[in-house]
PDB file of N, CA and C in Angstrom:
ATOM      1  N   MET A   1      82.040  88.252 116.991  1.00  0.00           N
ATOM      2  CA  MET A   1      82.886  87.258 116.682  1.00  0.00           C
ATOM      3  C   MET A   1      83.203  86.924 115.070  1.00  0.00           C
ATOM      4  N   ILE A   2      84.416  86.698 115.874  1.00  0.00           N
ATOM      5  CA  ILE A   2      85.682  85.863 114.935  1.00  0.00           C
ATOM      6  C   ILE A   2      85.377  84.295 115.070  1.00  0.00           C
ATOM      7  N   ARG A   3      85.092  83.760 113.342  1.00  0.00           N
ATOM      8  CA  ARG A   3      84.119  82.434 113.473  1.00  0.00           C
ATOM      9  C   ARG A   3      85.788  81.939 111.894  1.00  0.00           C
ATOM     10  N   ILE A   4      86.370  80.516 112.094  1.00  0.00           N
ATOM     11  CA  ILE A   4      87.110  80.167 111.520  1.00  0.00           C
ATOM     12  C   ILE A   4      86.051  79.171 110.435  1.00  0.00           C
ATOM     13  N   ALA A   5      86.359  79.109 109.148  1.00  0.00           N
ATOM     14  CA  ALA A   5      85.697  78.284 108.475  1.00  0.00           C
ATOM     15  C   ALA A   5      86.961  77.489 107.994  1.00  0.00           C
ATOM     16  N   ILE A   6      86.568  76.331 107.268  1.00  0.00           N
ATOM     17  CA  ILE A   6      87.530  74.545 107.364  1.00  0.00           C
ATOM     18  C   ILE A   6      86.490  74.244 106.361  1.00  0.00           C
ATOM     19  N   ASN A   7      87.311  72.978 105.538  1.00  0.00           N
ATOM     20  CA  ASN A   7      86.935  72.189 104.992  1.00  0.00           C
ATOM     21  C   ASN A   7      87.962  71.234 104.603  1.00  0.00           C
ATOM     22  N   GLU A   8      87.811  69.976 104.372  1.00  0.00           N
ATOM     23  CA  GLU A   8      88.277  68.555 105.301  1.00  0.00           C
ATOM     24  C   GLU A   8      89.252  69.211 103.941  1.00  0.00           C
ATOM     25  N   ALA A   9      89.515  69.169 102.979  1.00  0.00           N
ATOM     26  CA  ALA A   9      90.859  68.988 102.395  1.00  0.00           C
ATOM     27  C   ALA A   9      91.522  70.856 103.369  1.00  0.00           C
ATOM     28  N   ILE A  10      91.675  71.605 103.152  1.00  0.00           N
ATOM     29  CA  ILE A  10      92.433  72.324 104.315  1.00  0.00           C
ATOM     30  C   ILE A  10      92.732  71.731 105.557  1.00  0.00           C
ATOM     31  N   LEU A  11      91.739  71.270 105.866  1.00  0.00           N
ATOM     32  CA  LEU A  11      92.012  70.459 107.352  1.00  0.00           C
ATOM     33  C   LEU A  11      93.493  69.621 107.199  1.00  0.00           C
ATOM     34  N   ASN A  12      93.416  68.650 106.168  1.00  0.00           N
ATOM     35  CA  ASN A  12      94.471  67.697 105.646  1.00  0.00           C
ATOM     36  C   ASN A  12      95.518  68.804 105.110  1.00  0.00           C
ATOM     37  N   GLU A  13      95.715  69.628 104.154  1.00  0.00           N
ATOM     38  CA  GLU A  13      96.779  70.242 104.299  1.00  0.00           C
ATOM     39  C   GLU A  13      97.671  70.584 105.573  1.00  0.00           C
ATOM     40  N   TYR A  14      96.973  71.371 106.294  1.00  0.00           N
ATOM     41  CA  TYR A  14      97.962  71.584 107.505  1.00  0.00           C
ATOM     42  C   TYR A  14      98.616  71.199 108.185  1.00  0.00           C
ATOM     43  N   ILE A  15      97.702  69.210 108.626  1.00  0.00           N
ATOM     44  CA  ILE A  15      97.929  68.415 109.094  1.00  0.00           C
ATOM     45  C   ILE A  15      99.013  67.761 108.387  1.00  0.00           C
ATOM     46  N   ASP A  16      99.056  68.163 106.957  1.00  0.00           N
ATOM     47  CA  ASP A  16      99.873  67.314 106.853  1.00  0.00           C
ATOM     48  C   ASP A  16     101.505  67.901 106.232  1.00  0.00           C
ATOM     49  N   VAL A  17     101.033  69.455 107.058  1.00  0.00           N
ATOM     50  CA  VAL A  17     102.441  70.463 106.855  1.00  0.00           C
ATOM     51  C   VAL A  17     102.903  70.144 108.387  1.00  0.00           C
ATOM     52  N   LEU A  18     101.909  70.258 109.311  1.00  0.00           N
ATOM     53  CA  LEU A  18     102.294  69.748 110.824  1.00  0.00           C
ATOM     54  C   LEU A  18     103.145  68.394 110.860  1.00  0.00           C
ATOM     55  N   LYS A  19     103.189  67.671 109.891  1.00  0.00           N
ATOM     56  CA  LYS A  19     103.946  67.111 110.055  1.00  0.00           C
ATOM     57  C   LYS A  19     104.852  66.145 109.325  1.00  0.00           C
ATOM     58  N   ARG A  20     105.400  67.631 108.516  1.00  0.00           N
ATOM     59  CA  ARG A  20     106.376  67.737 108.178  1.00  0.00           C
ATOM     60  C   ARG A  20     107.147  67.580 108.817  1.00  0.00           C
ATOM     61  N   PHE A  21     106.831  68.487 109.585  1.00  0.00           N
ATOM     62  CA  PHE A  21     107.807  69.891 110.634  1.00  0.00           C
ATOM     63  C   PHE A  21     108.311  68.510 111.395  1.00  0.00           C
ATOM     64  N   GLN A  22     107.409  67.148 111.450  1.00  0.00           N
ATOM     65  CA  GLN A  22     107.938  66.092 112.919  1.00  0.00           C
ATOM     66  C   GLN A  22     106.816  66.796 114.046  1.00  0.00           C
ATOM     67  N   VAL A  23     105.509  67.273 113.856  1.00  0.00           N
ATOM     68  CA  VAL A  23     104.991  67.471 114.768  1.00  0.00           C
ATOM     69  C   VAL A  23     104.035  66.500 115.413  1.00  0.00           C
ATOM     70  N   SER A  24     104.174  65.970 116.687  1.00  0.00           N
ATOM     71  CA  SER A  24     103.648  64.090 116.892  1.00  0.00           C
ATOM     72  C   SER A  24     101.954  63.902 116.277  1.00  0.00           C
ATOM     73  N   ASP A  25     101.941  63.342 116.510  1.00  0.00           N
ATOM     74  CA  ASP A  25     100.315  63.259 116.405  1.00  0.00           C
ATOM     75  C   ASP A  25      99.406  63.207 116.874  1.00  0.00           C
ATOM     76  N   GLN A  26      99.825  62.771 118.295  1.00  0.00           N
ATOM     77  CA  GLN A  26      99.281  62.902 119.380  1.00  0.00           C
ATOM     78  C   GLN A  26      99.187  64.519 119.831  1.00  0.00           C
ATOM     79  N   LEU A  27      99.749  65.834 119.412  1.00  0.00           N
ATOM     80  CA  LEU A  27      99.931  66.751 120.183  1.00  0.00           C
ATOM     81  C   LEU A  27      98.884  67.218 118.724  1.00  0.00           C
ATOM     82  N   ILE A  28      99.057  66.583 117.175  1.00  0.00           N
ATOM     83  CA  ILE A  28      98.620  66.606 115.456  1.00  0.00           C
ATOM     84  C   ILE A  28      96.177  66.901 116.928  1.00  0.00           C
ATOM     85  N   GLU A  29      96.977  65.923 116.957  1.00  0.00           N
ATOM     86  CA  GLU A  29      95.027  65.637 117.595  1.00  0.00           C
ATOM     87  C   GLU A  29      94.601  66.865 118.747  1.00  0.00           C
ATOM     88  N   GLU A  30      95.757  66.596 119.361  1.00  0.00           N
ATOM     89  CA  GLU A  30      95.313  68.506 120.827  1.00  0.00           C
ATOM     90  C   GLU A  30      95.545  69.100 120.581  1.00  0.00           C
ATOM     91  N   LEU A  31      95.993  69.500 119.186  1.00  0.00           N
ATOM     92  CA  LEU A  31      95.604  71.021 118.176  1.00  0.00           C
ATOM     93  C   LEU A  31      94.396  70.890 117.624  1.00  0.00           C
ATOM     94  N   THR A  32      94.191  69.980 117.483  1.00  0.00           N
ATOM     95  CA  THR A  32      92.458  69.536 116.648  1.00  0.00           C
ATOM     96  C   THR A  32      90.999  69.283 117.525  1.00  0.00           C
ATOM     97  N   CYS A  33      91.405  69.143 118.347  1.00  0.00           N
ATOM     98  CA  CYS A  33      91.050  69.669 119.695  1.00  0.00           C
ATOM     99  C   CYS A  33      90.009  70.154 119.993  1.00  0.00           C
ATOM    100  N   ILE A  34      91.319  71.306 120.753  1.00  0.00           N
ATOM    101  CA  ILE A  34      91.315  72.766 120.495  1.00  0.00           C
ATOM    102  C   ILE A  34      90.805  73.281 119.627  1.00  0.00           C
ATOM    103  N   LEU A  35      91.265  73.850 118.412  1.00  0.00           N
ATOM    104  CA  LEU A  35      91.033  74.381 117.579  1.00  0.00           C
ATOM    105  C   LEU A  35      89.089  73.990 117.294  1.00  0.00           C
ATOM    106  N   PHE A  36      88.443  73.197 117.754  1.00  0.00           N
ATOM    107  CA  PHE A  36      87.243  72.458 117.468  1.00  0.00           C
ATOM    108  C   PHE A  36      86.582  73.175 118.587  1.00  0.00           C
ATOM    109  N   SER A  37      87.013  72.844 120.136  1.00  0.00           N
ATOM    110  CA  SER A  37      86.706  72.432 120.720  1.00  0.00           C
ATOM    111  C   SER A  37      86.061  74.070 120.952  1.00  0.00           C
ATOM    112  N   LYS A  38      85.968  75.342 120.393  1.00  0.00           N
ATOM    113  CA  LYS A  38      85.695  75.695 121.449  1.00  0.00           C
ATOM    114  C   LYS A  38      84.571  76.255 120.141  1.00  0.00           C
ATOM    115  N   GLY A  39      83.811  76.081 119.470  1.00  0.00           N
ATOM    116  CA  GLY A  39      82.601  76.132 118.818  1.00  0.00           C
ATOM    117  C   GLY A  39      82.635  77.467 118.014  1.00  0.00           C
ATOM    118  N   ARG A  40      84.444  78.141 117.568  1.00  0.00           N
ATOM    119  CA  ARG A  40      84.288  78.965 116.576  1.00  0.00           C
ATOM    120  C   ARG A  40      84.146  78.573 115.392  1.00  0.00           C
ATOM    121  N   VAL A  41      84.832  76.975 114.895  1.00  0.00           N
ATOM    122  CA  VAL A  41      84.586  76.897 113.572  1.00  0.00           C
ATOM    123  C   VAL A  41      83.672  75.407 112.490  1.00  0.00           C
ATOM    124  N   THR A  42      83.547  76.425 111.593  1.00  0.00           N
ATOM    125  CA  THR A  42      82.529  76.226 110.734  1.00  0.00           C
ATOM    126  C   THR A  42      83.090  75.104 109.535  1.00  0.00           C
ATOM    127  N   ILE A  43      82.940  74.308 109.381  1.00  0.00           N
ATOM    128  CA  ILE A  43      83.217  72.898 108.511  1.00  0.00           C
ATOM    129  C   ILE A  43      82.268  73.215 106.797  1.00  0.00           C
ATOM    130  N   THR A  44      82.902  73.657 106.057  1.00  0.00           N
ATOM    131  CA  THR A  44      82.253  73.796 104.838  1.00  0.00           C
ATOM    132  C   THR A  44      81.865  72.679 103.918  1.00  0.00           C
ATOM    133  N   ARG A  45      81.327  72.247 103.295  1.00  0.00           N
ATOM    134  CA  ARG A  45      81.294  71.788 102.224  1.00  0.00           C
ATOM    135  C   ARG A  45      82.222  71.941 101.093  1.00  0.00           C
ATOM    136  N   ASP A  46      81.856  71.688 100.301  1.00  0.00           N
ATOM    137  CA  ASP A  46      82.936  72.032  98.510  1.00  0.00           C
ATOM    138  C   ASP A  46      81.334  71.990  97.534  1.00  0.00           C
ATOM    139  N   GLU A  47      80.836  73.051  97.539  1.00  0.00           N
ATOM    140  CA  GLU A  47      79.427  72.082  96.727  1.00  0.00           C
ATOM    141  C   GLU A  47      79.691  73.011  95.273  1.00  0.00           C
ATOM    142  N   CYS A  48      80.151  74.009  95.381  1.00  0.00           N
ATOM    143  CA  CYS A  48      80.673  74.613  93.700  1.00  0.00           C
ATOM    144  C   CYS A  48      82.578  74.663  94.074  1.00  0.00           C
ATOM    145  N   PRO A  49      83.022  74.176  93.237  1.00  0.00           N
ATOM    146  CA  PRO A  49      84.803  73.740  93.397  1.00  0.00           C
ATOM    147  C   PRO A  49      84.723  75.061  92.801  1.00  0.00           C
ATOM    148  N   VAL A  50      85.800  75.784  92.827  1.00  0.00           N
ATOM    149  CA  VAL A  50      85.915  76.936  92.382  1.00  0.00           C
ATOM    150  C   VAL A  50      87.490  76.650  91.070  1.00  0.00           C
ATOM    151  N   ASN A  51      87.823  77.596  90.495  1.00  0.00           N
ATOM    152  CA  ASN A  51      88.975  77.372  89.771  1.00  0.00           C
ATOM    153  C   ASN A  51      89.212  78.574  89.199  1.00  0.00           C
ATOM    154  N   VAL A  52      90.210  79.233  89.903  1.00  0.00           N
ATOM    155  CA  VAL A  52      90.289  80.264  89.191  1.00  0.00           C
ATOM    156  C   VAL A  52      92.111  80.388  89.432  1.00  0.00           C
ATOM    157  N   ILE A  53      92.098  79.855  90.458  1.00  0.00           N
ATOM    158  CA  ILE A  53      93.579  80.369  90.678  1.00  0.00           C
ATOM    159  C   ILE A  53      94.498  79.244  89.240  1.00  0.00           C
ATOM    160  N   LYS A  54      95.112  79.444  88.083  1.00  0.00           N
ATOM    161  CA  LYS A  54      95.950  78.701  87.419  1.00  0.00           C
ATOM    162  C   LYS A  54      96.625  77.873  87.591  1.00  0.00           C
ATOM    163  N   ASP A  55      97.720  79.494  88.937  1.00  0.00           N
ATOM    164  CA  ASP A  55      99.154  79.028  88.890  1.00  0.00           C
ATOM    165  C   ASP A  55      99.557  77.722  89.551  1.00  0.00           C
ATOM    166  N   ASP A  56      98.210  77.983  90.784  1.00  0.00           N
ATOM    167  CA  ASP A  56      98.352  76.844  91.611  1.00  0.00           C
ATOM    168  C   ASP A  56      96.947  76.494  92.416  1.00  0.00           C
ATOM    169  N   PRO A  57      96.435  75.199  92.004  1.00  0.00           N
ATOM    170  CA  PRO A  57      95.400  75.239  91.534  1.00  0.00           C
ATOM    171  C   PRO A  57      94.438  74.193  93.501  1.00  0.00           C
ATOM    172  N   SER A  58      95.978  74.518  93.624  1.00  0.00           N
ATOM    173  CA  SER A  58      95.423  73.193  94.969  1.00  0.00           C
ATOM    174  C   SER A  58      94.719  74.942  95.830  1.00  0.00           C
ATOM    175  N   ASP A  59      95.726  76.001  95.511  1.00  0.00           N
ATOM    176  CA  ASP A  59      94.624  77.165  96.765  1.00  0.00           C
ATOM    177  C   ASP A  59      93.549  77.423  96.558  1.00  0.00           C
ATOM    178  N   ASN A  60      93.933  77.197  95.088  1.00  0.00           N
ATOM    179  CA  ASN A  60      91.840  77.189  95.242  1.00  0.00           C
ATOM    180  C   ASN A  60      90.513  76.825  95.834  1.00  0.00           C
ATOM    181  N   LYS A  61      91.459  75.727  96.658  1.00  0.00           N
ATOM    182  CA  LYS A  61      89.848  75.262  98.033  1.00  0.00           C
ATOM    183  C   LYS A  61      89.684  76.083  99.195  1.00  0.00           C
ATOM    184  N   PHE A  62      91.011  77.129  99.785  1.00  0.00           N
ATOM    185  CA  PHE A  62      90.378  78.178 100.042  1.00  0.00           C
ATOM    186  C   PHE A  62      89.398  78.932  99.841  1.00  0.00           C
ATOM    187  N   LEU A  63      89.254  79.603  98.467  1.00  0.00           N
ATOM    188  CA  LEU A  63      88.422  80.256  97.692  1.00  0.00           C
ATOM    189  C   LEU A  63      86.710  79.650  98.018  1.00  0.00           C
ATOM    190  N   SER A  64      87.384  78.070  97.409  1.00  0.00           N
ATOM    191  CA  SER A  64      85.466  77.415  97.741  1.00  0.00           C
ATOM    192  C   SER A  64      85.089  77.740  99.138  1.00  0.00           C
ATOM    193  N   CYS A  65      86.060  77.171  99.812  1.00  0.00           N
ATOM    194  CA  CYS A  65      85.448  77.296 101.248  1.00  0.00           C
ATOM    195  C   CYS A  65      85.203  78.718 102.378  1.00  0.00           C
ATOM    196  N   ALA A  66      85.345  79.655 101.747  1.00  0.00           N
ATOM    197  CA  ALA A  66      85.172  81.081 101.870  1.00  0.00           C
ATOM    198  C   ALA A  66      84.016  81.073 101.623  1.00  0.00           C
ATOM    199  N   ASP A  67      84.011  80.912 100.019  1.00  0.00           N
ATOM    200  CA  ASP A  67      82.910  81.082  99.437  1.00  0.00           C
ATOM    201  C   ASP A  67      82.071  80.645  99.985  1.00  0.00           C
ATOM    202  N   ALA A  68      81.621  79.167 100.765  1.00  0.00           N
ATOM    203  CA  ALA A  68      80.447  78.057 101.141  1.00  0.00           C
ATOM    204  C   ALA A  68      79.900  78.769 102.853  1.00  0.00           C
ATOM    205  N   ALA A  69      80.961  79.781 103.011  1.00  0.00           N
ATOM    206  CA  ALA A  69      81.731  79.888 104.820  1.00  0.00           C
ATOM    207  C   ALA A  69      80.709  81.370 104.190  1.00  0.00           C
ATOM    208  N   GLY A  70      80.980  81.961 103.508  1.00  0.00           N
ATOM    209  CA  GLY A  70      80.110  83.315 103.004  1.00  0.00           C
ATOM    210  C   GLY A  70      81.137  84.204 103.719  1.00  0.00           C
ATOM    211  N   ALA A  71      82.726  84.223 103.685  1.00  0.00           N
ATOM    212  CA  ALA A  71      83.362  84.690 104.453  1.00  0.00           C
ATOM    213  C   ALA A  71      83.609  86.031 104.456  1.00  0.00           C
ATOM    214  N   LYS A  72      83.676  86.756 105.223  1.00  0.00           N
ATOM    215  CA  LYS A  72      84.552  88.570 104.342  1.00  0.00           C
ATOM    216  C   LYS A  72      86.377  88.539 104.723  1.00  0.00           C
ATOM    217  N   TYR A  73      86.373  87.600 105.159  1.00  0.00           N
ATOM    218  CA  TYR A  73      88.181  87.705 104.524  1.00  0.00           C
ATOM    219  C   TYR A  73      88.388  86.701 104.415  1.00  0.00           C
ATOM    220  N   ILE A  74      90.139  85.950 103.339  1.00  0.00           N
ATOM    221  CA  ILE A  74      90.912  84.806 103.972  1.00  0.00           C
ATOM    222  C   ILE A  74      91.975  85.420 104.023  1.00  0.00           C
ATOM    223  N   LEU A  75      92.373  85.079 105.480  1.00  0.00           N
ATOM    224  CA  LEU A  75      93.766  85.007 105.212  1.00  0.00           C
ATOM    225  C   LEU A  75      95.068  84.400 105.211  1.00  0.00           C
ATOM    226  N   SER A  76      95.417  84.977 104.215  1.00  0.00           N
ATOM    227  CA  SER A  76      97.367  83.701 103.602  1.00  0.00           C
ATOM    228  C   SER A  76      97.896  84.595 103.449  1.00  0.00           C
ATOM    229  N   GLY A  77      99.037  83.971 103.439  1.00  0.00           N
ATOM    230  CA  GLY A  77     100.461  84.257 102.884  1.00  0.00           C
ATOM    231  C   GLY A  77     100.771  83.308 101.976  1.00  0.00           C
ATOM    232  N   TYR A  78     100.323  82.672 101.505  1.00  0.00           N
ATOM    233  CA  TYR A  78     100.121  82.475 100.037  1.00  0.00           C
ATOM    234  C   TYR A  78      99.928  83.809  98.828  1.00  0.00           C
ATOM    235  N   LYS A  79     100.554  83.739  98.643  1.00  0.00           N
ATOM    236  CA  LYS A  79     101.254  84.819  97.024  1.00  0.00           C
ATOM    237  C   LYS A  79     100.356  84.459  96.138  1.00  0.00           C
ATOM    238  N   HIS A  80      99.882  83.745  95.604  1.00  0.00           N
ATOM    239  CA  HIS A  80      98.362  83.146  94.299  1.00  0.00           C
ATOM    240  C   HIS A  80      96.952  83.756  95.288  1.00  0.00           C
ATOM    241  N   LEU A  81      97.172  83.667  96.665  1.00  0.00           N
ATOM    242  CA  LEU A  81      95.971  84.248  96.996  1.00  0.00           C
ATOM    243  C   LEU A  81      95.698  85.400  97.033  1.00  0.00           C
ATOM    244  N   LEU A  82      97.003  85.578  97.774  1.00  0.00           N
ATOM    245  CA  LEU A  82      97.257  87.597  97.757  1.00  0.00           C
ATOM    246  C   LEU A  82      97.671  88.571  96.540  1.00  0.00           C
ATOM    247  N   LYS A  83      98.036  87.279  95.733  1.00  0.00           N
ATOM    248  CA  LYS A  83      97.832  88.191  94.507  1.00  0.00           C
ATOM    249  C   LYS A  83      96.056  88.656  93.862  1.00  0.00           C
ATOM    250  N   LEU A  84      95.882  88.020  94.350  1.00  0.00           N
ATOM    251  CA  LEU A  84      93.287  88.197  93.675  1.00  0.00           C
ATOM    252  C   LEU A  84      93.498  89.242  94.786  1.00  0.00           C
ATOM    253  N   GLY A  85      94.172  89.271  95.445  1.00  0.00           N
ATOM    254  CA  GLY A  85      93.383  91.388  96.217  1.00  0.00           C
ATOM    255  C   GLY A  85      92.317  90.538  96.604  1.00  0.00           C
ATOM    256  N   SER A  86      91.326  89.949  96.460  1.00  0.00           N
ATOM    257  CA  SER A  86      89.705  89.228  96.914  1.00  0.00           C
ATOM    258  C   SER A  86      89.285  88.733  95.521  1.00  0.00           C
ATOM    259  N   TYR A  87      88.395  88.045  96.409  1.00  0.00           N
ATOM    260  CA  TYR A  87      87.713  87.402  95.420  1.00  0.00           C
ATOM    261  C   TYR A  87      86.058  87.231  95.749  1.00  0.00           C
ATOM    262  N   LYS A  88      84.809  87.949  95.123  1.00  0.00           N
ATOM    263  CA  LYS A  88      83.972  87.971  94.682  1.00  0.00           C
ATOM    264  C   LYS A  88      83.965  88.730  95.480  1.00  0.00           C
ATOM    265  N   ASP A  89      83.292  89.156  96.827  1.00  0.00           N
ATOM    266  CA  ASP A  89      82.854  89.825  98.574  1.00  0.00           C
ATOM    267  C   ASP A  89      84.347  89.789  99.256  1.00  0.00           C
ATOM    268  N   VAL A  90      85.183  88.885  99.163  1.00  0.00           N
ATOM    269  CA  VAL A  90      85.836  88.424 100.149  1.00  0.00           C
ATOM    270  C   VAL A  90      87.072  89.243  99.943  1.00  0.00           C
ATOM    271  N   SER A  91      87.817  89.943 100.984  1.00  0.00           N
ATOM    272  CA  SER A  91      88.854  90.296 101.159  1.00  0.00           C
ATOM    273  C   SER A  91      90.269  89.181 101.552  1.00  0.00           C
ATOM    274  N   ILE A  92      91.500  89.471 100.574  1.00  0.00           N
ATOM    275  CA  ILE A  92      92.272  88.626 101.301  1.00  0.00           C
ATOM    276  C   ILE A  92      93.830  89.390 101.335  1.00  0.00           C
ATOM    277  N   VAL A  93      93.976  88.945 102.827  1.00  0.00           N
ATOM    278  CA  VAL A  93      94.724  89.829 103.440  1.00  0.00           C
ATOM    279  C   VAL A  93      95.623  88.705 103.936  1.00  0.00           C
ATOM    280  N   THR A  94      96.851  89.391 104.611  1.00  0.00           N
ATOM    281  CA  THR A  94      98.164  88.419 105.396  1.00  0.00           C
ATOM    282  C   THR A  94      97.368  88.255 106.218  1.00  0.00           C
ATOM    283  N   PRO A  95      97.700  87.504 107.607  1.00  0.00           N
ATOM    284  CA  PRO A  95      97.412  88.020 109.190  1.00  0.00           C
ATOM    285  C   PRO A  95      97.781  89.254 109.959  1.00  0.00           C
ATOM    286  N   LYS A  96      98.819  89.779 110.118  1.00  0.00           N
ATOM    287  CA  LYS A  96      99.492  90.982 109.999  1.00  0.00           C
ATOM    288  C   LYS A  96      98.385  92.295 109.643  1.00  0.00           C
ATOM    289  N   GLN A  97      97.889  91.991 108.239  1.00  0.00           N
ATOM    290  CA  GLN A  97      96.629  92.632 107.995  1.00  0.00           C
ATOM    291  C   GLN A  97      95.979  92.959 108.433  1.00  0.00           C
ATOM    292  N   PHE A  98      95.302  91.653 108.479  1.00  0.00           N
ATOM    293  CA  PHE A  98      94.356  91.565 109.337  1.00  0.00           C
ATOM    294  C   PHE A  98      94.248  91.762 110.570  1.00  0.00           C
ATOM    295  N   VAL A  99      94.974  92.245 111.350  1.00  0.00           N
ATOM    296  CA  VAL A  99      95.324  92.235 112.727  1.00  0.00           C
ATOM    297  C   VAL A  99      95.160  94.064 112.996  1.00  0.00           C
ATOM    298  N   ASN A 100      95.866  94.931 111.905  1.00  0.00           N
ATOM    299  CA  ASN A 100      95.447  96.495 111.502  1.00  0.00           C
ATOM    300  C   ASN A 100      94.730  96.376 111.102  1.00  0.00           C
ATOM    301  N   LEU A 101      93.007  96.355 110.408  1.00  0.00           N
ATOM    302  CA  LEU A 101      92.235  96.282 110.524  1.00  0.00           C
ATOM    303  C   LEU A 101      91.038  96.322 111.736  1.00  0.00           C
TER     304      LEU A 101
END
């Protein structure tokens, strides 16, 4: 089973991006409800913040979340994450690469 791990910082970033694309608050709320209603979302707490990515420190939240969730993969298009390739035992791949696995 595929589970999604997210933390508050990631969720806030996604909401900000949707708002930049002028997605309505109502639609954002509906999308969030759908995401969380499926029971496949793990909400993590950043007990141990990570400081690995120096070029774009805001991307460290994805490493921290994956670490806290015990994730096997991070799916991303962010070049700073993809450049790492992996973090601890977590593979960092594009969504397309993940589907091809």
